[in-house]
C-alpha atoms as a PDB file:
ATOM      1  CA  UNK A   1      84.343  92.228  82.350  1.00  0.00           C
ATOM      2  CA  UNK A   2      85.674  89.070  80.678  1.00  0.00           C
ATOM      3  CA  UNK A   3      89.287  87.891  81.087  1.00  0.00           C
ATOM      4  CA  UNK A   4      89.952  88.692  77.429  1.00  0.00           C
ATOM      5  CA  UNK A   5      88.686  92.259  77.881  1.00  0.00           C
ATOM      6  CA  UNK A   6      90.748  92.726  81.029  1.00  0.00           C
ATOM      7  CA  UNK A   7      93.877  91.519  79.221  1.00  0.00           C
ATOM      8  CA  UNK A   8      93.188  93.938  76.362  1.00  0.00           C
ATOM      9  CA  UNK A   9      92.855  96.880  78.753  1.00  0.00           C
ATOM     10  CA  UNK A  10      95.983  95.793  80.616  1.00  0.00           C
ATOM     11  CA  UNK A  11      97.883  95.542  77.354  1.00  0.00           C
ATOM     12  CA  UNK A  12      96.946  99.092  76.380  1.00  0.00           C
ATOM     13  CA  UNK A  13      98.172 100.434  79.742  1.00  0.00           C
ATOM     14  CA  UNK A  14     101.408  98.424  79.371  1.00  0.00           C
ATOM     15  CA  UNK A  15     102.057  99.842  75.895  1.00  0.00           C
ATOM     16  CA  UNK A  16     101.364 103.360  77.187  1.00  0.00           C
ATOM     17  CA  UNK A  17     103.762 102.836  80.079  1.00  0.00           C
ATOM     18  CA  UNK A  18     106.511 101.472  77.838  1.00  0.00           C
ATOM     19  CA  UNK A  19     106.139 104.314  75.338  1.00  0.00           C
ATOM     20  CA  UNK A  20     106.525 106.884  78.123  1.00  0.00           C
ATOM     21  CA  UNK A  21     109.430 105.048  79.760  1.00  0.00           C
ATOM     22  CA  UNK A  22     111.392 104.445  76.557  1.00  0.00           C
ATOM     23  CA  UNK A  23     110.659 107.602  74.632  1.00  0.00           C
ATOM     24  CA  UNK A  24     109.098 110.440  76.630  1.00  0.00           C
ATOM     25  CA  UNK A  25     108.157 113.566  74.662  1.00  0.00           C
ATOM     26  CA  UNK A  26     110.171 115.724  77.044  1.00  0.00           C
ATOM     27  CA  UNK A  27     112.504 115.462  80.000  1.00  0.00           C
ATOM     28  CA  UNK A  28     110.853 117.493  82.746  1.00  0.00           C
ATOM     29  CA  UNK A  29     112.861 119.848  84.911  1.00  0.00           C
ATOM     30  CA  UNK A  30     112.717 117.701  88.060  1.00  0.00           C
ATOM     31  CA  UNK A  31     115.996 119.031  89.450  1.00  0.00           C
ATOM     32  CA  UNK A  32     114.390 122.465  89.890  1.00  0.00           C
ATOM     33  CA  UNK A  33     111.782 120.882  92.223  1.00  0.00           C
ATOM     34  CA  UNK A  34     109.003 122.369  90.118  1.00  0.00           C
ATOM     35  CA  UNK A  35     107.414 119.169  88.791  1.00  0.00           C
ATOM     36  CA  UNK A  36     103.800 118.783  89.929  1.00  0.00           C
ATOM     37  CA  UNK A  37     101.272 115.985  89.746  1.00  0.00           C
ATOM     38  CA  UNK A  38      98.429 117.088  87.497  1.00  0.00           C
ATOM     39  CA  UNK A  39      96.402 113.868  87.253  1.00  0.00           C
ATOM     40  CA  UNK A  40      95.495 111.177  89.763  1.00  0.00           C
ATOM     41  CA  UNK A  41      96.017 108.124  87.543  1.00  0.00           C
ATOM     42  CA  UNK A  42      97.282 108.960  84.039  1.00  0.00           C
ATOM     43  CA  UNK A  43     100.636 107.470  83.042  1.00  0.00           C
ATOM     44  CA  UNK A  44     101.892 110.972  82.192  1.00  0.00           C
ATOM     45  CA  UNK A  45     100.613 112.381  85.486  1.00  0.00           C
ATOM     46  CA  UNK A  46     103.375 114.924  86.159  1.00  0.00           C
ATOM     47  CA  UNK A  47     104.105 118.256  84.518  1.00  0.00           C
ATOM     48  CA  UNK A  48     106.130 121.446  84.898  1.00  0.00           C
ATOM     49  CA  UNK A  49     103.585 123.990  83.641  1.00  0.00           C
ATOM     50  CA  UNK A  50     105.453 127.133  84.697  1.00  0.00           C
ATOM     51  CA  UNK A  51     108.990 126.215  83.678  1.00  0.00           C
ATOM     52  CA  UNK A  52     108.425 123.689  80.906  1.00  0.00           C
ATOM     53  CA  UNK A  53     110.757 120.839  79.994  1.00  0.00           C
ATOM     54  CA  UNK A  54     114.511 120.901  80.462  1.00  0.00           C
ATOM     55  CA  UNK A  55     114.909 119.046  77.144  1.00  0.00           C
ATOM     56  CA  UNK A  56     112.946 117.565  74.254  1.00  0.00           C
ATOM     57  CA  UNK A  57     113.427 114.574  71.942  1.00  0.00           C
ATOM     58  CA  UNK A  58     113.496 115.097  68.178  1.00  0.00           C
ATOM     59  CA  UNK A  59     112.085 112.673  65.548  1.00  0.00           C
ATOM     60  CA  UNK A  60     115.430 110.846  65.328  1.00  0.00           C
ATOM     61  CA  UNK A  61     115.623 110.475  69.095  1.00  0.00           C
ATOM     62  CA  UNK A  62     118.229 113.206  69.573  1.00  0.00           C
ATOM     63  CA  UNK A  63     118.054 115.093  72.860  1.00  0.00           C
ATOM     64  CA  UNK A  64     117.810 118.879  72.564  1.00  0.00           C
ATOM     65  CA  UNK A  65     118.410 120.953  75.696  1.00  0.00           C
ATOM     66  CA  UNK A  66     115.890 123.718  76.262  1.00  0.00           C
ATOM     67  CA  UNK A  67     117.359 125.071  79.496  1.00  0.00           C
ATOM     68  CA  UNK A  68     121.000 125.214  80.465  1.00  0.00           C
ATOM     69  CA  UNK A  69     122.071 123.547  83.659  1.00  0.00           C
ATOM     70  CA  UNK A  70     122.377 126.080  86.460  1.00  0.00           C
ATOM     71  CA  UNK A  71     124.255 126.078  89.746  1.00  0.00           C
ATOM     72  CA  UNK A  72     121.974 124.970  92.557  1.00  0.00           C
ATOM     73  CA  UNK A  73     121.630 126.095  96.123  1.00  0.00           C
ATOM     74  CA  UNK A  74     122.278 123.155  98.446  1.00  0.00           C
ATOM     75  CA  UNK A  75     119.768 122.924 101.324  1.00  0.00           C
ATOM     76  CA  UNK A  76     120.286 121.277 104.691  1.00  0.00           C
ATOM     77  CA  UNK A  77     119.364 117.601 104.631  1.00  0.00           C
ATOM     78  CA  UNK A  78     117.677 115.763 106.196  1.00  0.00           C
ATOM     79  CA  UNK A  79     115.006 118.281 107.164  1.00  0.00           C
ATOM     80  CA  UNK A  80     114.855 118.939 110.892  1.00  0.00           C
ATOM     81  CA  UNK A  81     111.423 117.630 112.018  1.00  0.00           C
ATOM     82  CA  UNK A  82     111.425 120.079 114.933  1.00  0.00           C
ATOM     83  CA  UNK A  83     111.343 123.077 112.575  1.00  0.00           C
ATOM     84  CA  UNK A  84     107.673 123.998 112.329  1.00  0.00           C
ATOM     85  CA  UNK A  85     106.425 125.593 109.117  1.00  0.00           C
ATOM     86  CA  UNK A  86     102.663 125.949 108.668  1.00  0.00           C
ATOM     87  CA  UNK A  87     100.796 126.135 105.343  1.00  0.00           C
ATOM     88  CA  UNK A  88      97.315 127.631 105.179  1.00  0.00           C
ATOM     89  CA  UNK A  89      94.834 128.428 102.394  1.00  0.00           C
ATOM     90  CA  UNK A  90      92.912 131.640 103.113  1.00  0.00           C
ATOM     91  CA  UNK A  91      89.468 132.104 101.592  1.00  0.00           C
ATOM     92  CA  UNK A  92      86.860 134.847 101.304  1.00  0.00           C
ATOM     93  CA  UNK A  93      85.715 135.660 104.827  1.00  0.00           C
ATOM     94  CA  UNK A  94      88.832 134.091 106.348  1.00  0.00           C
ATOM     95  CA  UNK A  95      89.299 135.154 109.983  1.00  0.00           C
ATOM     96  CA  UNK A  96      92.776 136.660 110.624  1.00  0.00           C
ATOM     97  CA  UNK A  97      92.688 135.280 114.160  1.00  0.00           C
ATOM     98  CA  UNK A  98      93.020 131.773 112.734  1.00  0.00           C
ATOM     99  CA  UNK A  99      96.533 132.545 111.508  1.00  0.00           C
ATOM    100  CA  UNK A 100      97.582 134.005 114.848  1.00  0.00           C
ATOM    101  CA  UNK A 101      96.105 131.049 116.733  1.00  0.00           C
ATOM    102  CA  UNK A 102      97.881 128.465 114.582  1.00  0.00           C
ATOM    103  CA  UNK A 103     101.246 130.210 114.886  1.00  0.00           C
ATOM    104  CA  UNK A 104     100.872 130.582 118.648  1.00  0.00           C
ATOM    105  CA  UNK A 105      99.795 126.960 119.082  1.00  0.00           C
ATOM    106  CA  UNK A 106     102.552 125.443 116.924  1.00  0.00           C
ATOM    107  CA  UNK A 107     105.362 127.904 117.602  1.00  0.00           C
ATOM    108  CA  UNK A 108     106.047 127.879 113.874  1.00  0.00           C
ATOM    109  CA  UNK A 109     109.012 129.852 112.542  1.00  0.00           C
ATOM    110  CA  UNK A 110     107.574 129.924 109.045  1.00  0.00           C
ATOM    111  CA  UNK A 111     104.186 130.340 107.381  1.00  0.00           C
ATOM    112  CA  UNK A 112     103.158 129.694 103.784  1.00  0.00           C
ATOM    113  CA  UNK A 113      99.896 131.276 102.643  1.00  0.00           C
ATOM    114  CA  UNK A 114      98.294 129.965  99.456  1.00  0.00           C
ATOM    115  CA  UNK A 115      96.834 133.078  97.898  1.00  0.00           C
ATOM    116  CA  UNK A 116      94.639 133.941  94.938  1.00  0.00           C
ATOM    117  CA  UNK A 117      96.056 134.448  91.439  1.00  0.00           C
ATOM    118  CA  UNK A 118      99.351 136.308  91.515  1.00  0.00           C
ATOM    119  CA  UNK A 119      99.530 135.943  95.293  1.00  0.00           C
ATOM    120  CA  UNK A 120      96.821 138.135  96.773  1.00  0.00           C
ATOM    121  CA  UNK A 121      95.046 137.560 100.104  1.00  0.00           C
ATOM    122  CA  UNK A 122      91.929 138.783 101.892  1.00  0.00           C
ATOM    123  CA  UNK A 123      92.593 142.398 102.880  1.00  0.00           C
ATOM    124  CA  UNK A 124      92.469 141.740 106.612  1.00  0.00           C
ATOM    125  CA  UNK A 125      95.567 139.538 106.440  1.00  0.00           C
ATOM    126  CA  UNK A 126      98.062 142.232 105.432  1.00  0.00           C
ATOM    127  CA  UNK A 127      98.419 143.570 108.969  1.00  0.00           C
ATOM    128  CA  UNK A 128      98.695 140.024 110.338  1.00  0.00           C
ATOM    129  CA  UNK A 129     101.505 139.232 107.906  1.00  0.00           C
ATOM    130  CA  UNK A 130     103.261 142.423 109.002  1.00  0.00           C
ATOM    131  CA  UNK A 131     102.948 141.544 112.685  1.00  0.00           C
ATOM    132  CA  UNK A 132     104.300 138.037 112.081  1.00  0.00           C
ATOM    133  CA  UNK A 133     107.320 139.181 110.086  1.00  0.00           C
ATOM    134  CA  UNK A 134     108.143 141.739 112.773  1.00  0.00           C
ATOM    135  CA  UNK A 135     108.050 138.965 115.365  1.00  0.00           C
ATOM    136  CA  UNK A 136     110.513 136.840 113.386  1.00  0.00           C
ATOM    137  CA  UNK A 137     108.176 134.533 111.452  1.00  0.00           C
ATOM    138  CA  UNK A 138     109.077 134.085 107.795  1.00  0.00           C
ATOM    139  CA  UNK A 139     105.934 134.451 105.656  1.00  0.00           C
ATOM    140  CA  UNK A 140     105.872 133.118 102.094  1.00  0.00           C
ATOM    141  CA  UNK A 141     103.088 133.783  99.594  1.00  0.00           C
ATOM    142  CA  UNK A 142     102.313 131.032  97.070  1.00  0.00           C
ATOM    143  CA  UNK A 143      99.424 130.689  94.611  1.00  0.00           C
ATOM    144  CA  UNK A 144      96.684 128.105  94.319  1.00  0.00           C
ATOM    145  CA  UNK A 145      96.907 128.501  90.535  1.00  0.00           C
ATOM    146  CA  UNK A 146      98.953 125.736  88.904  1.00  0.00           C
ATOM    147  CA  UNK A 147     101.053 127.861  86.528  1.00  0.00           C
ATOM    148  CA  UNK A 148     102.364 131.402  86.312  1.00  0.00           C
ATOM    149  CA  UNK A 149     103.724 131.925  89.821  1.00  0.00           C
ATOM    150  CA  UNK A 150     103.351 134.748  92.326  1.00  0.00           C
ATOM    151  CA  UNK A 151     104.388 138.367  91.843  1.00  0.00           C
ATOM    152  CA  UNK A 152     103.709 141.545  93.886  1.00  0.00           C
ATOM    153  CA  UNK A 153     101.628 143.389  91.285  1.00  0.00           C
ATOM    154  CA  UNK A 154      98.357 144.562  92.837  1.00  0.00           C
ATOM    155  CA  UNK A 155      98.020 147.278  95.442  1.00  0.00           C
ATOM    156  CA  UNK A 156      95.246 147.758  97.973  1.00  0.00           C
ATOM    157  CA  UNK A 157      94.379 145.689 101.016  1.00  0.00           C
ATOM    158  CA  UNK A 158      95.610 142.130 100.538  1.00  0.00           C
ATOM    159  CA  UNK A 159      97.413 142.969  97.289  1.00  0.00           C
ATOM    160  CA  UNK A 160     100.898 141.666  96.595  1.00  0.00           C
ATOM    161  CA  UNK A 161     102.536 145.095  96.755  1.00  0.00           C
ATOM    162  CA  UNK A 162     101.290 145.632 100.292  1.00  0.00           C
ATOM    163  CA  UNK A 163     102.249 142.118 101.364  1.00  0.00           C
ATOM    164  CA  UNK A 164     105.768 142.600 100.054  1.00  0.00           C
ATOM    165  CA  UNK A 165     106.048 145.935 101.858  1.00  0.00           C
ATOM    166  CA  UNK A 166     105.329 144.280 105.218  1.00  0.00           C
ATOM    167  CA  UNK A 167     107.974 141.604 104.694  1.00  0.00           C
ATOM    168  CA  UNK A 168     106.353 138.688 102.842  1.00  0.00           C
ATOM    169  CA  UNK A 169     108.444 136.674 100.368  1.00  0.00           C
ATOM    170  CA  UNK A 170     106.850 135.493  97.125  1.00  0.00           C
ATOM    171  CA  UNK A 171     107.274 131.833  96.185  1.00  0.00           C
ATOM    172  CA  UNK A 172     107.583 132.395  92.447  1.00  0.00           C
ATOM    173  CA  UNK A 173     106.629 129.236  90.591  1.00  0.00           C
ATOM    174  CA  UNK A 174     106.626 126.950  93.631  1.00  0.00           C
ATOM    175  CA  UNK A 175     103.390 125.537  94.988  1.00  0.00           C
ATOM    176  CA  UNK A 176     102.519 126.073  98.649  1.00  0.00           C
ATOM    177  CA  UNK A 177     103.589 122.528  99.526  1.00  0.00           C
ATOM    178  CA  UNK A 178     106.978 122.890  97.848  1.00  0.00           C
ATOM    179  CA  UNK A 179     107.522 126.380  99.255  1.00  0.00           C
ATOM    180  CA  UNK A 180     106.905 124.927 102.710  1.00  0.00           C
ATOM    181  CA  UNK A 181     109.544 122.224 102.196  1.00  0.00           C
ATOM    182  CA  UNK A 182     112.038 124.784 100.896  1.00  0.00           C
ATOM    183  CA  UNK A 183     111.415 127.010 103.910  1.00  0.00           C
ATOM    184  CA  UNK A 184     111.944 124.017 106.208  1.00  0.00           C
ATOM    185  CA  UNK A 185     115.346 123.531 104.564  1.00  0.00           C
ATOM    186  CA  UNK A 186     116.302 127.194 105.037  1.00  0.00           C
ATOM    187  CA  UNK A 187     115.439 127.598 108.721  1.00  0.00           C
ATOM    188  CA  UNK A 188     117.590 125.047 110.639  1.00  0.00           C
ATOM    189  CA  UNK A 189     120.582 126.606 112.377  1.00  0.00           C
ATOM    190  CA  UNK A 190     119.854 130.067 110.981  1.00  0.00           C
ATOM    191  CA  UNK A 191     118.535 133.350 112.286  1.00  0.00           C
ATOM    192  CA  UNK A 192     115.436 134.773 110.622  1.00  0.00           C
ATOM    193  CA  UNK A 193     117.594 137.120 108.515  1.00  0.00           C
ATOM    194  CA  UNK A 194     119.906 134.278 107.456  1.00  0.00           C
ATOM    195  CA  UNK A 195     116.996 131.982 106.640  1.00  0.00           C
ATOM    196  CA  UNK A 196     115.341 134.712 104.593  1.00  0.00           C
ATOM    197  CA  UNK A 197     118.557 135.287 102.625  1.00  0.00           C
ATOM    198  CA  UNK A 198     118.827 131.539 101.941  1.00  0.00           C
ATOM    199  CA  UNK A 199     115.192 131.424 100.847  1.00  0.00           C
ATOM    200  CA  UNK A 200     115.441 134.415  98.504  1.00  0.00           C
ATOM    201  CA  UNK A 201     118.636 133.048  96.965  1.00  0.00           C
ATOM    202  CA  UNK A 202     117.090 129.607  96.436  1.00  0.00           C
ATOM    203  CA  UNK A 203     113.998 131.111  94.815  1.00  0.00           C
ATOM    204  CA  UNK A 204     116.198 133.225  92.528  1.00  0.00           C
ATOM    205  CA  UNK A 205     118.077 130.112  91.408  1.00  0.00           C
ATOM    206  CA  UNK A 206     114.874 128.121  90.876  1.00  0.00           C
ATOM    207  CA  UNK A 207     113.341 130.937  88.819  1.00  0.00           C
ATOM    208  CA  UNK A 208     116.546 131.326  86.792  1.00  0.00           C
ATOM    209  CA  UNK A 209     117.355 134.828  88.060  1.00  0.00           C
ATOM    210  CA  UNK A 210     120.692 133.751  89.567  1.00  0.00           C
ATOM    211  CA  UNK A 211     123.265 131.127  88.672  1.00  0.00           C
ATOM    212  CA  UNK A 212     125.574 131.631  91.628  1.00  0.00           C
ATOM    213  CA  UNK A 213     126.034 129.307  94.574  1.00  0.00           C
ATOM    214  CA  UNK A 214     125.859 130.268  98.239  1.00  0.00           C
END
């Protein structure tokens, strides 16, 4: 590629960058920790597909709020590196013993499972989730789908209803990675019951179901 062509390409990227920096089409809801990277190299590489923008800009440049500011739960910071929380992505044919082995090896106090769709898992994992919650491990169910979130809707082996009944917490609109970080913030200096209460409250605030502080 000639120098002139390279400069032309560079100029286009610069104009794109300036247009996004000076006048973005929307102000994403970053303070709800729901912003996700959806492209590896685009200038507008981040999005909040489940919750949408917190505000938009009109033709005259006037800011219009879409969501009201809500009270936020304040997590412990910095995160304690000694608090082990494991994230795993089950698949068809997934061996339940893998989950038990990882928890036993790491001594993790928390586990995030990235499920299918609304937060469903292979049927053989329901009993494992129940055993872990009874032993004091907090289990959170997230989804590998980018938008929509997790909800206990389906029954049957591995369905969300059964997972909820054995003690799993659903991550709502948070990805597995973000649910793991949130769980790491909830666990330090807390019993399992206290950490679970913190987690549920935080998820309620993030999903807009609660505006109170704790």
